[in-house]
Amino acid sequence: AYFVLTENAPEIDDLFLSLYFERVR
């Protein structure tokens, strides 16, 4: 799991998406 500040969430989400992170809700 990765933790991120709310204001930085969109940027970090794009980063992990580029690394092929598969999110599980």
mmCIF file of all heavy atoms, coordinates in Angstrom:
data_MODEL
# 
_entry.id   MODEL 
# 
loop_
_atom_site.group_PDB 
_atom_site.id 
_atom_site.type_symbol 
_atom_site.label_atom_id 
_atom_site.label_alt_id 
_atom_site.label_comp_id 
_atom_site.label_asym_id 
_atom_site.label_entity_id 
_atom_site.label_seq_id 
_atom_site.pdbx_PDB_ins_code 
_atom_site.Cartn_x 
_atom_site.Cartn_y 
_atom_site.Cartn_z 
_atom_site.occupancy 
_atom_site.B_iso_or_equiv 
_atom_site.pdbx_formal_charge 
_atom_site.auth_seq_id 
_atom_site.auth_comp_id 
_atom_site.auth_asym_id 
_atom_site.auth_atom_id 
_atom_site.pdbx_PDB_model_num 
ATOM 1   N N   . ALA A 1 1  ? 0.861   -1.189 0.000   1.00 0.00 ? 1  ALA A N   1 
ATOM 2   C CA  . ALA A 1 1  ? 0.000   0.000  0.000   1.00 0.00 ? 1  ALA A CA  1 
ATOM 3   C C   . ALA A 1 1  ? 0.896   1.239  0.000   1.00 0.00 ? 1  ALA A C   1 
ATOM 4   O O   . ALA A 1 1  ? 2.008   1.221  0.548   1.00 0.00 ? 1  ALA A O   1 
ATOM 5   C CB  . ALA A 1 1  ? -0.919  -0.006 1.217   1.00 0.00 ? 1  ALA A CB  1 
ATOM 6   N N   . TYR A 1 2  ? 0.432   2.284  -0.614  1.00 0.00 ? 2  TYR A N   1 
ATOM 7   C CA  . TYR A 1 2  ? 1.169   3.548  -0.533  1.00 0.00 ? 2  TYR A CA  1 
ATOM 8   C C   . TYR A 1 2  ? 0.269   4.611  0.073   1.00 0.00 ? 2  TYR A C   1 
ATOM 9   O O   . TYR A 1 2  ? -0.939  4.624  -0.127  1.00 0.00 ? 2  TYR A O   1 
ATOM 10  C CB  . TYR A 1 2  ? 1.732   3.975  -1.887  1.00 0.00 ? 2  TYR A CB  1 
ATOM 11  C CG  . TYR A 1 2  ? 0.730   4.320  -2.964  1.00 0.00 ? 2  TYR A CG  1 
ATOM 12  C CD1 . TYR A 1 2  ? 0.217   5.613  -3.076  1.00 0.00 ? 2  TYR A CD1 1 
ATOM 13  C CD2 . TYR A 1 2  ? 0.331   3.364  -3.913  1.00 0.00 ? 2  TYR A CD2 1 
ATOM 14  C CE1 . TYR A 1 2  ? -0.675  5.941  -4.082  1.00 0.00 ? 2  TYR A CE1 1 
ATOM 15  C CE2 . TYR A 1 2  ? -0.564  3.676  -4.922  1.00 0.00 ? 2  TYR A CE2 1 
ATOM 16  C CZ  . TYR A 1 2  ? -1.070  4.975  -5.006  1.00 0.00 ? 2  TYR A CZ  1 
ATOM 17  O OH  . TYR A 1 2  ? -1.958  5.304  -5.987  1.00 0.00 ? 2  TYR A OH  1 
ATOM 18  N N   . PHE A 1 3  ? 0.922   5.464  0.870   1.00 0.00 ? 3  PHE A N   1 
ATOM 19  C CA  . PHE A 1 3  ? 0.239   6.536  1.591   1.00 0.00 ? 3  PHE A CA  1 
ATOM 20  C C   . PHE A 1 3  ? 0.689   7.863  0.996   1.00 0.00 ? 3  PHE A C   1 
ATOM 21  O O   . PHE A 1 3  ? 1.880   8.064  0.731   1.00 0.00 ? 3  PHE A O   1 
ATOM 22  C CB  . PHE A 1 3  ? 0.577   6.479  3.083   1.00 0.00 ? 3  PHE A CB  1 
ATOM 23  C CG  . PHE A 1 3  ? 0.189   5.173  3.742   1.00 0.00 ? 3  PHE A CG  1 
ATOM 24  C CD1 . PHE A 1 3  ? 1.013   4.050  3.672   1.00 0.00 ? 3  PHE A CD1 1 
ATOM 25  C CD2 . PHE A 1 3  ? -1.012  5.071  4.422   1.00 0.00 ? 3  PHE A CD2 1 
ATOM 26  C CE1 . PHE A 1 3  ? 0.648   2.864  4.272   1.00 0.00 ? 3  PHE A CE1 1 
ATOM 27  C CE2 . PHE A 1 3  ? -1.374  3.871  5.030   1.00 0.00 ? 3  PHE A CE2 1 
ATOM 28  C CZ  . PHE A 1 3  ? -0.553  2.767  4.959   1.00 0.00 ? 3  PHE A CZ  1 
ATOM 29  N N   . VAL A 1 4  ? -0.246  8.769  0.840   1.00 0.00 ? 4  VAL A N   1 
ATOM 30  C CA  . VAL A 1 4  ? 0.063   10.032 0.196   1.00 0.00 ? 4  VAL A CA  1 
ATOM 31  C C   . VAL A 1 4  ? -0.880  11.102 0.739   1.00 0.00 ? 4  VAL A C   1 
ATOM 32  O O   . VAL A 1 4  ? -2.025  10.814 1.146   1.00 0.00 ? 4  VAL A O   1 
ATOM 33  C CB  . VAL A 1 4  ? -0.091  9.902  -1.338  1.00 0.00 ? 4  VAL A CB  1 
ATOM 34  C CG1 . VAL A 1 4  ? -1.505  9.544  -1.720  1.00 0.00 ? 4  VAL A CG1 1 
ATOM 35  C CG2 . VAL A 1 4  ? 0.354   11.162 -2.041  1.00 0.00 ? 4  VAL A CG2 1 
ATOM 36  N N   . LEU A 1 5  ? -0.379  12.359 0.786   1.00 0.00 ? 5  LEU A N   1 
ATOM 37  C CA  . LEU A 1 5  ? -1.245  13.464 1.184   1.00 0.00 ? 5  LEU A CA  1 
ATOM 38  C C   . LEU A 1 5  ? -2.346  13.660 0.148   1.00 0.00 ? 5  LEU A C   1 
ATOM 39  O O   . LEU A 1 5  ? -2.137  13.422 -1.047  1.00 0.00 ? 5  LEU A O   1 
ATOM 40  C CB  . LEU A 1 5  ? -0.427  14.747 1.335   1.00 0.00 ? 5  LEU A CB  1 
ATOM 41  C CG  . LEU A 1 5  ? 0.623   14.746 2.467   1.00 0.00 ? 5  LEU A CG  1 
ATOM 42  C CD1 . LEU A 1 5  ? 1.436   16.027 2.415   1.00 0.00 ? 5  LEU A CD1 1 
ATOM 43  C CD2 . LEU A 1 5  ? -0.035  14.586 3.830   1.00 0.00 ? 5  LEU A CD2 1 
ATOM 44  N N   . THR A 1 6  ? -3.495  14.110 0.619   1.00 0.00 ? 6  THR A N   1 
ATOM 45  C CA  . THR A 1 6  ? -4.647  14.268 -0.264  1.00 0.00 ? 6  THR A CA  1 
ATOM 46  C C   . THR A 1 6  ? -4.334  15.177 -1.441  1.00 0.00 ? 6  THR A C   1 
ATOM 47  O O   . THR A 1 6  ? -4.718  14.892 -2.585  1.00 0.00 ? 6  THR A O   1 
ATOM 48  C CB  . THR A 1 6  ? -5.836  14.830 0.523   1.00 0.00 ? 6  THR A CB  1 
ATOM 49  O OG1 . THR A 1 6  ? -6.135  13.941 1.618   1.00 0.00 ? 6  THR A OG1 1 
ATOM 50  C CG2 . THR A 1 6  ? -7.072  14.956 -0.367  1.00 0.00 ? 6  THR A CG2 1 
ATOM 51  N N   . GLU A 1 7  ? -3.595  16.245 -1.183  1.00 0.00 ? 7  GLU A N   1 
ATOM 52  C CA  . GLU A 1 7  ? -3.314  17.209 -2.246  1.00 0.00 ? 7  GLU A CA  1 
ATOM 53  C C   . GLU A 1 7  ? -2.356  16.653 -3.299  1.00 0.00 ? 7  GLU A C   1 
ATOM 54  O O   . GLU A 1 7  ? -2.321  17.112 -4.436  1.00 0.00 ? 7  GLU A O   1 
ATOM 55  C CB  . GLU A 1 7  ? -2.737  18.495 -1.647  1.00 0.00 ? 7  GLU A CB  1 
ATOM 56  C CG  . GLU A 1 7  ? -1.431  18.259 -0.873  1.00 0.00 ? 7  GLU A CG  1 
ATOM 57  C CD  . GLU A 1 7  ? -0.944  19.511 -0.152  1.00 0.00 ? 7  GLU A CD  1 
ATOM 58  O OE1 . GLU A 1 7  ? -1.752  20.440 0.052   1.00 0.00 ? 7  GLU A OE1 1 
ATOM 59  O OE2 . GLU A 1 7  ? 0.250   19.534 0.194   1.00 0.00 ? 7  GLU A OE2 1 
ATOM 60  N N   . ASN A 1 8  ? -1.555  15.623 -2.922  1.00 0.00 ? 8  ASN A N   1 
ATOM 61  C CA  . ASN A 1 8  ? -0.599  15.030 -3.874  1.00 0.00 ? 8  ASN A CA  1 
ATOM 62  C C   . ASN A 1 8  ? -1.117  13.723 -4.499  1.00 0.00 ? 8  ASN A C   1 
ATOM 63  O O   . ASN A 1 8  ? -0.406  13.086 -5.281  1.00 0.00 ? 8  ASN A O   1 
ATOM 64  C CB  . ASN A 1 8  ? 0.732   14.741 -3.172  1.00 0.00 ? 8  ASN A CB  1 
ATOM 65  C CG  . ASN A 1 8  ? 1.415   16.002 -2.679  1.00 0.00 ? 8  ASN A CG  1 
ATOM 66  O OD1 . ASN A 1 8  ? 1.344   17.050 -3.323  1.00 0.00 ? 8  ASN A OD1 1 
ATOM 67  N ND2 . ASN A 1 8  ? 2.057   15.924 -1.511  1.00 0.00 ? 8  ASN A ND2 1 
ATOM 68  N N   . ALA A 1 9  ? -2.311  13.325 -4.125  1.00 0.00 ? 9  ALA A N   1 
ATOM 69  C CA  . ALA A 1 9  ? -2.824  12.024 -4.565  1.00 0.00 ? 9  ALA A CA  1 
ATOM 70  C C   . ALA A 1 9  ? -2.889  11.886 -6.082  1.00 0.00 ? 9  ALA A C   1 
ATOM 71  O O   . ALA A 1 9  ? -2.461  10.863 -6.629  1.00 0.00 ? 9  ALA A O   1 
ATOM 72  C CB  . ALA A 1 9  ? -4.201  11.764 -3.942  1.00 0.00 ? 9  ALA A CB  1 
ATOM 73  N N   . PRO A 1 10 ? -3.426  12.854 -6.851  1.00 0.00 ? 10 PRO A N   1 
ATOM 74  C CA  . PRO A 1 10 ? -3.494  12.680 -8.313  1.00 0.00 ? 10 PRO A CA  1 
ATOM 75  C C   . PRO A 1 10 ? -2.134  12.436 -8.946  1.00 0.00 ? 10 PRO A C   1 
ATOM 76  O O   . PRO A 1 10 ? -1.986  11.585 -9.831  1.00 0.00 ? 10 PRO A O   1 
ATOM 77  C CB  . PRO A 1 10 ? -4.118  13.994 -8.802  1.00 0.00 ? 10 PRO A CB  1 
ATOM 78  C CG  . PRO A 1 10 ? -4.901  14.491 -7.630  1.00 0.00 ? 10 PRO A CG  1 
ATOM 79  C CD  . PRO A 1 10 ? -4.100  14.110 -6.425  1.00 0.00 ? 10 PRO A CD  1 
ATOM 80  N N   . GLU A 1 11 ? -1.109  13.183 -8.486  1.00 0.00 ? 11 GLU A N   1 
ATOM 81  C CA  . GLU A 1 11 ? 0.239   13.038 -9.060  1.00 0.00 ? 11 GLU A CA  1 
ATOM 82  C C   . GLU A 1 11 ? 0.819   11.658 -8.757  1.00 0.00 ? 11 GLU A C   1 
ATOM 83  O O   . GLU A 1 11 ? 1.367   10.989 -9.644  1.00 0.00 ? 11 GLU A O   1 
ATOM 84  C CB  . GLU A 1 11 ? 1.139   14.129 -8.479  1.00 0.00 ? 11 GLU A CB  1 
ATOM 85  C CG  . GLU A 1 11 ? 2.603   14.000 -8.908  1.00 0.00 ? 11 GLU A CG  1 
ATOM 86  C CD  . GLU A 1 11 ? 3.525   14.948 -8.131  1.00 0.00 ? 11 GLU A CD  1 
ATOM 87  O OE1 . GLU A 1 11 ? 3.015   15.802 -7.387  1.00 0.00 ? 11 GLU A OE1 1 
ATOM 88  O OE2 . GLU A 1 11 ? 4.744   14.792 -8.288  1.00 0.00 ? 11 GLU A OE2 1 
ATOM 89  N N   . ILE A 1 12 ? 0.692   11.212 -7.509  1.00 0.00 ? 12 ILE A N   1 
ATOM 90  C CA  . ILE A 1 12 ? 1.268   9.920  -7.116  1.00 0.00 ? 12 ILE A CA  1 
ATOM 91  C C   . ILE A 1 12 ? 0.480   8.773  -7.745  1.00 0.00 ? 12 ILE A C   1 
ATOM 92  O O   . ILE A 1 12 ? 1.044   7.735  -8.112  1.00 0.00 ? 12 ILE A O   1 
ATOM 93  C CB  . ILE A 1 12 ? 1.296   9.801  -5.584  1.00 0.00 ? 12 ILE A CB  1 
ATOM 94  C CG1 . ILE A 1 12 ? 2.132   10.950 -4.993  1.00 0.00 ? 12 ILE A CG1 1 
ATOM 95  C CG2 . ILE A 1 12 ? 1.871   8.465  -5.153  1.00 0.00 ? 12 ILE A CG2 1 
ATOM 96  C CD1 . ILE A 1 12 ? 3.549   11.039 -5.548  1.00 0.00 ? 12 ILE A CD1 1 
ATOM 97  N N   . ASP A 1 13 ? -0.837  8.956  -7.896  1.00 0.00 ? 13 ASP A N   1 
ATOM 98  C CA  . ASP A 1 13 ? -1.633  7.916  -8.572  1.00 0.00 ? 13 ASP A CA  1 
ATOM 99  C C   . ASP A 1 13 ? -1.150  7.711  -9.999  1.00 0.00 ? 13 ASP A C   1 
ATOM 100 O O   . ASP A 1 13 ? -1.039  6.572  -10.480 1.00 0.00 ? 13 ASP A O   1 
ATOM 101 C CB  . ASP A 1 13 ? -3.115  8.304  -8.570  1.00 0.00 ? 13 ASP A CB  1 
ATOM 102 C CG  . ASP A 1 13 ? -3.751  8.153  -7.193  1.00 0.00 ? 13 ASP A CG  1 
ATOM 103 O OD1 . ASP A 1 13 ? -3.162  7.446  -6.347  1.00 0.00 ? 13 ASP A OD1 1 
ATOM 104 O OD2 . ASP A 1 13 ? -4.829  8.741  -6.972  1.00 0.00 ? 13 ASP A OD2 1 
ATOM 105 N N   . ASP A 1 14 ? -0.847  8.797  -10.701 1.00 0.00 ? 14 ASP A N   1 
ATOM 106 C CA  . ASP A 1 14 ? -0.333  8.684  -12.071 1.00 0.00 ? 14 ASP A CA  1 
ATOM 107 C C   . ASP A 1 14 ? 1.018   7.992  -12.084 1.00 0.00 ? 14 ASP A C   1 
ATOM 108 O O   . ASP A 1 14 ? 1.321   7.209  -12.992 1.00 0.00 ? 14 ASP A O   1 
ATOM 109 C CB  . ASP A 1 14 ? -0.215  10.075 -12.696 1.00 0.00 ? 14 ASP A CB  1 
ATOM 110 C CG  . ASP A 1 14 ? -1.575  10.692 -12.981 1.00 0.00 ? 14 ASP A CG  1 
ATOM 111 O OD1 . ASP A 1 14 ? -2.557  9.931  -13.043 1.00 0.00 ? 14 ASP A OD1 1 
ATOM 112 O OD2 . ASP A 1 14 ? -1.648  11.926 -13.133 1.00 0.00 ? 14 ASP A OD2 1 
ATOM 113 N N   . LEU A 1 15 ? 1.854   8.297  -11.073 1.00 0.00 ? 15 LEU A N   1 
ATOM 114 C CA  . LEU A 1 15 ? 3.172   7.672  -10.999 1.00 0.00 ? 15 LEU A CA  1 
ATOM 115 C C   . LEU A 1 15 ? 3.050   6.162  -10.853 1.00 0.00 ? 15 LEU A C   1 
ATOM 116 O O   . LEU A 1 15 ? 3.688   5.392  -11.590 1.00 0.00 ? 15 LEU A O   1 
ATOM 117 C CB  . LEU A 1 15 ? 3.949   8.261  -9.812  1.00 0.00 ? 15 LEU A CB  1 
ATOM 118 C CG  . LEU A 1 15 ? 5.261   7.531  -9.439  1.00 0.00 ? 15 LEU A CG  1 
ATOM 119 C CD1 . LEU A 1 15 ? 6.261   7.613  -10.580 1.00 0.00 ? 15 LEU A CD1 1 
ATOM 120 C CD2 . LEU A 1 15 ? 5.846   8.103  -8.156  1.00 0.00 ? 15 LEU A CD2 1 
ATOM 121 N N   . PHE A 1 16 ? 2.240   5.716  -9.891  1.00 0.00 ? 16 PHE A N   1 
ATOM 122 C CA  . PHE A 1 16 ? 2.089   4.276  -9.678  1.00 0.00 ? 16 PHE A CA  1 
ATOM 123 C C   . PHE A 1 16 ? 1.385   3.599  -10.857 1.00 0.00 ? 16 PHE A C   1 
ATOM 124 O O   . PHE A 1 16 ? 1.655   2.432  -11.164 1.00 0.00 ? 16 PHE A O   1 
ATOM 125 C CB  . PHE A 1 16 ? 1.325   4.019  -8.367  1.00 0.00 ? 16 PHE A CB  1 
ATOM 126 C CG  . PHE A 1 16 ? 2.220   3.974  -7.163  1.00 0.00 ? 16 PHE A CG  1 
ATOM 127 C CD1 . PHE A 1 16 ? 2.604   5.138  -6.515  1.00 0.00 ? 16 PHE A CD1 1 
ATOM 128 C CD2 . PHE A 1 16 ? 2.718   2.770  -6.690  1.00 0.00 ? 16 PHE A CD2 1 
ATOM 129 C CE1 . PHE A 1 16 ? 3.433   5.106  -5.411  1.00 0.00 ? 16 PHE A CE1 1 
ATOM 130 C CE2 . PHE A 1 16 ? 3.554   2.726  -5.586  1.00 0.00 ? 16 PHE A CE2 1 
ATOM 131 C CZ  . PHE A 1 16 ? 3.926   3.892  -4.948  1.00 0.00 ? 16 PHE A CZ  1 
ATOM 132 N N   . LEU A 1 17 ? 0.506   4.342  -11.508 1.00 0.00 ? 17 LEU A N   1 
ATOM 133 C CA  . LEU A 1 17 ? -0.131  3.781  -12.696 1.00 0.00 ? 17 LEU A CA  1 
ATOM 134 C C   . LEU A 1 17 ? 0.899   3.507  -13.789 1.00 0.00 ? 17 LEU A C   1 
ATOM 135 O O   . LEU A 1 17 ? 0.814   2.502  -14.501 1.00 0.00 ? 17 LEU A O   1 
ATOM 136 C CB  . LEU A 1 17 ? -1.214  4.731  -13.206 1.00 0.00 ? 17 LEU A CB  1 
ATOM 137 C CG  . LEU A 1 17 ? -2.064  4.229  -14.378 1.00 0.00 ? 17 LEU A CG  1 
ATOM 138 C CD1 . LEU A 1 17 ? -2.829  2.978  -13.973 1.00 0.00 ? 17 LEU A CD1 1 
ATOM 139 C CD2 . LEU A 1 17 ? -3.020  5.312  -14.854 1.00 0.00 ? 17 LEU A CD2 1 
ATOM 140 N N   . SER A 1 18 ? 1.875   4.389  -13.926 1.00 0.00 ? 18 SER A N   1 
ATOM 141 C CA  . SER A 1 18 ? 2.935   4.195  -14.929 1.00 0.00 ? 18 SER A CA  1 
ATOM 142 C C   . SER A 1 18 ? 3.824   3.003  -14.590 1.00 0.00 ? 18 SER A C   1 
ATOM 143 O O   . SER A 1 18 ? 4.486   2.451  -15.461 1.00 0.00 ? 18 SER A O   1 
ATOM 144 C CB  . SER A 1 18 ? 3.790   5.465  -15.047 1.00 0.00 ? 18 SER A CB  1 
ATOM 145 O OG  . SER A 1 18 ? 4.537   5.688  -13.857 1.00 0.00 ? 18 SER A OG  1 
ATOM 146 N N   . LEU A 1 19 ? 3.854   2.638  -13.282 1.00 0.00 ? 19 LEU A N   1 
ATOM 147 C CA  . LEU A 1 19 ? 4.634   1.472  -12.855 1.00 0.00 ? 19 LEU A CA  1 
ATOM 148 C C   . LEU A 1 19 ? 3.785   0.193  -12.852 1.00 0.00 ? 19 LEU A C   1 
ATOM 149 O O   . LEU A 1 19 ? 4.224   -0.830 -12.345 1.00 0.00 ? 19 LEU A O   1 
ATOM 150 C CB  . LEU A 1 19 ? 5.198   1.716  -11.451 1.00 0.00 ? 19 LEU A CB  1 
ATOM 151 C CG  . LEU A 1 19 ? 6.189   2.887  -11.324 1.00 0.00 ? 19 LEU A CG  1 
ATOM 152 C CD1 . LEU A 1 19 ? 6.567   3.098  -9.864  1.00 0.00 ? 19 LEU A CD1 1 
ATOM 153 C CD2 . LEU A 1 19 ? 7.440   2.640  -12.157 1.00 0.00 ? 19 LEU A CD2 1 
ATOM 154 N N   . TYR A 1 20 ? 2.565   0.287  -13.420 1.00 0.00 ? 20 TYR A N   1 
ATOM 155 C CA  . TYR A 1 20 ? 1.643   -0.849 -13.543 1.00 0.00 ? 20 TYR A CA  1 
ATOM 156 C C   . TYR A 1 20 ? 1.137   -1.353 -12.186 1.00 0.00 ? 20 TYR A C   1 
ATOM 157 O O   . TYR A 1 20 ? 0.977   -2.548 -11.959 1.00 0.00 ? 20 TYR A O   1 
ATOM 158 C CB  . TYR A 1 20 ? 2.289   -2.001 -14.319 1.00 0.00 ? 20 TYR A CB  1 
ATOM 159 C CG  . TYR A 1 20 ? 2.725   -1.604 -15.704 1.00 0.00 ? 20 TYR A CG  1 
ATOM 160 C CD1 . TYR A 1 20 ? 4.066   -1.351 -15.978 1.00 0.00 ? 20 TYR A CD1 1 
ATOM 161 C CD2 . TYR A 1 20 ? 1.796   -1.442 -16.716 1.00 0.00 ? 20 TYR A CD2 1 
ATOM 162 C CE1 . TYR A 1 20 ? 4.471   -0.945 -17.250 1.00 0.00 ? 20 TYR A CE1 1 
ATOM 163 C CE2 . TYR A 1 20 ? 2.196   -1.049 -17.989 1.00 0.00 ? 20 TYR A CE2 1 
ATOM 164 C CZ  . TYR A 1 20 ? 3.534   -0.791 -18.250 1.00 0.00 ? 20 TYR A CZ  1 
ATOM 165 O OH  . TYR A 1 20 ? 3.922   -0.392 -19.503 1.00 0.00 ? 20 TYR A OH  1 
ATOM 166 N N   . PHE A 1 21 ? 0.892   -0.393 -11.299 1.00 0.00 ? 21 PHE A N   1 
ATOM 167 C CA  . PHE A 1 21 ? 0.301   -0.729 -10.009 1.00 0.00 ? 21 PHE A CA  1 
ATOM 168 C C   . PHE A 1 21 ? -1.167  -1.116 -10.224 1.00 0.00 ? 21 PHE A C   1 
ATOM 169 O O   . PHE A 1 21 ? -1.920  -0.396 -10.875 1.00 0.00 ? 21 PHE A O   1 
ATOM 170 C CB  . PHE A 1 21 ? 0.397   0.471  -9.058  1.00 0.00 ? 21 PHE A CB  1 
ATOM 171 C CG  . PHE A 1 21 ? -0.207  0.224  -7.698  1.00 0.00 ? 21 PHE A CG  1 
ATOM 172 C CD1 . PHE A 1 21 ? 0.475   -0.507 -6.746  1.00 0.00 ? 21 PHE A CD1 1 
ATOM 173 C CD2 . PHE A 1 21 ? -1.462  0.735  -7.373  1.00 0.00 ? 21 PHE A CD2 1 
ATOM 174 C CE1 . PHE A 1 21 ? -0.075  -0.726 -5.485  1.00 0.00 ? 21 PHE A CE1 1 
ATOM 175 C CE2 . PHE A 1 21 ? -2.011  0.525  -6.121  1.00 0.00 ? 21 PHE A CE2 1 
ATOM 176 C CZ  . PHE A 1 21 ? -1.319  -0.211 -5.180  1.00 0.00 ? 21 PHE A CZ  1 
ATOM 177 N N   . GLU A 1 22 ? -1.562  -2.283 -9.699  1.00 0.00 ? 22 GLU A N   1 
ATOM 178 C CA  . GLU A 1 22 ? -2.939  -2.758 -9.822  1.00 0.00 ? 22 GLU A CA  1 
ATOM 179 C C   . GLU A 1 22 ? -3.657  -2.510 -8.494  1.00 0.00 ? 22 GLU A C   1 
ATOM 180 O O   . GLU A 1 22 ? -3.435  -3.208 -7.514  1.00 0.00 ? 22 GLU A O   1 
ATOM 181 C CB  . GLU A 1 22 ? -2.969  -4.241 -10.179 1.00 0.00 ? 22 GLU A CB  1 
ATOM 182 C CG  . GLU A 1 22 ? -2.330  -4.552 -11.522 1.00 0.00 ? 22 GLU A CG  1 
ATOM 183 C CD  . GLU A 1 22 ? -2.322  -6.026 -11.827 1.00 0.00 ? 22 GLU A CD  1 
ATOM 184 O OE1 . GLU A 1 22 ? -3.001  -6.791 -11.083 1.00 0.00 ? 22 GLU A OE1 1 
ATOM 185 O OE2 . GLU A 1 22 ? -1.646  -6.440 -12.780 1.00 0.00 ? 22 GLU A OE2 1 
ATOM 186 N N   . ARG A 1 23 ? -4.501  -1.501 -8.508  1.00 0.00 ? 23 ARG A N   1 
ATOM 187 C CA  . ARG A 1 23 ? -5.180  -1.115 -7.280  1.00 0.00 ? 23 ARG A CA  1 
ATOM 188 C C   . ARG A 1 23 ? -6.311  -2.089 -6.955  1.00 0.00 ? 23 ARG A C   1 
ATOM 189 O O   . ARG A 1 23 ? -7.039  -2.519 -7.840  1.00 0.00 ? 23 ARG A O   1 
ATOM 190 C CB  . ARG A 1 23 ? -5.733  0.304  -7.406  1.00 0.00 ? 23 ARG A CB  1 
ATOM 191 C CG  . ARG A 1 23 ? -6.385  0.815  -6.131  1.00 0.00 ? 23 ARG A CG  1 
ATOM 192 C CD  . ARG A 1 23 ? -6.886  2.227  -6.298  1.00 0.00 ? 23 ARG A CD  1 
ATOM 193 N NE  . ARG A 1 23 ? -7.591  2.678  -5.120  1.00 0.00 ? 23 ARG A NE  1 
ATOM 194 C CZ  . ARG A 1 23 ? -8.184  3.865  -4.990  1.00 0.00 ? 23 ARG A CZ  1 
ATOM 195 N NH1 . ARG A 1 23 ? -8.147  4.726  -6.010  1.00 0.00 ? 23 ARG A NH1 1 
ATOM 196 N NH2 . ARG A 1 23 ? -8.810  4.199  -3.878  1.00 0.00 ? 23 ARG A NH2 1 
ATOM 197 N N   . VAL A 1 24 ? -6.433  -2.415 -5.688  1.00 0.00 ? 24 VAL A N   1 
ATOM 198 C CA  . VAL A 1 24 ? -7.513  -3.273 -5.193  1.00 0.00 ? 24 VAL A CA  1 
ATOM 199 C C   . VAL A 1 24 ? -8.295  -2.487 -4.154  1.00 0.00 ? 24 VAL A C   1 
ATOM 200 O O   . VAL A 1 24 ? -7.718  -1.980 -3.190  1.00 0.00 ? 24 VAL A O   1 
ATOM 201 C CB  . VAL A 1 24 ? -6.956  -4.570 -4.570  1.00 0.00 ? 24 VAL A CB  1 
ATOM 202 C CG1 . VAL A 1 24 ? -8.088  -5.388 -3.949  1.00 0.00 ? 24 VAL A CG1 1 
ATOM 203 C CG2 . VAL A 1 24 ? -6.230  -5.390 -5.613  1.00 0.00 ? 24 VAL A CG2 1 
ATOM 204 N N   . ARG A 1 25 ? -9.590  -2.391 -4.386  1.00 0.00 ? 25 ARG A N   1 
ATOM 205 C CA  . ARG A 1 25 ? -10.427 -1.642 -3.446  1.00 0.00 ? 25 ARG A CA  1 
ATOM 206 C C   . ARG A 1 25 ? -10.939 -2.579 -2.350  1.00 0.00 ? 25 ARG A C   1 
ATOM 207 O O   . ARG A 1 25 ? -11.505 -3.638 -2.635  1.00 0.00 ? 25 ARG A O   1 
ATOM 208 C CB  . ARG A 1 25 ? -11.602 -0.998 -4.178  1.00 0.00 ? 25 ARG A CB  1 
ATOM 209 C CG  . ARG A 1 25 ? -11.144 0.012  -5.230  1.00 0.00 ? 25 ARG A CG  1 
ATOM 210 C CD  . ARG A 1 25 ? -12.313 0.725  -5.865  1.00 0.00 ? 25 ARG A CD  1 
ATOM 211 N NE  . ARG A 1 25 ? -11.855 1.639  -6.909  1.00 0.00 ? 25 ARG A NE  1 
ATOM 212 C CZ  . ARG A 1 25 ? -11.445 2.887  -6.684  1.00 0.00 ? 25 ARG A CZ  1 
ATOM 213 N NH1 . ARG A 1 25 ? -11.452 3.357  -5.434  1.00 0.00 ? 25 ARG A NH1 1 
ATOM 214 N NH2 . ARG A 1 25 ? -11.041 3.653  -7.670  1.00 0.00 ? 25 ARG A NH2 1 
# 
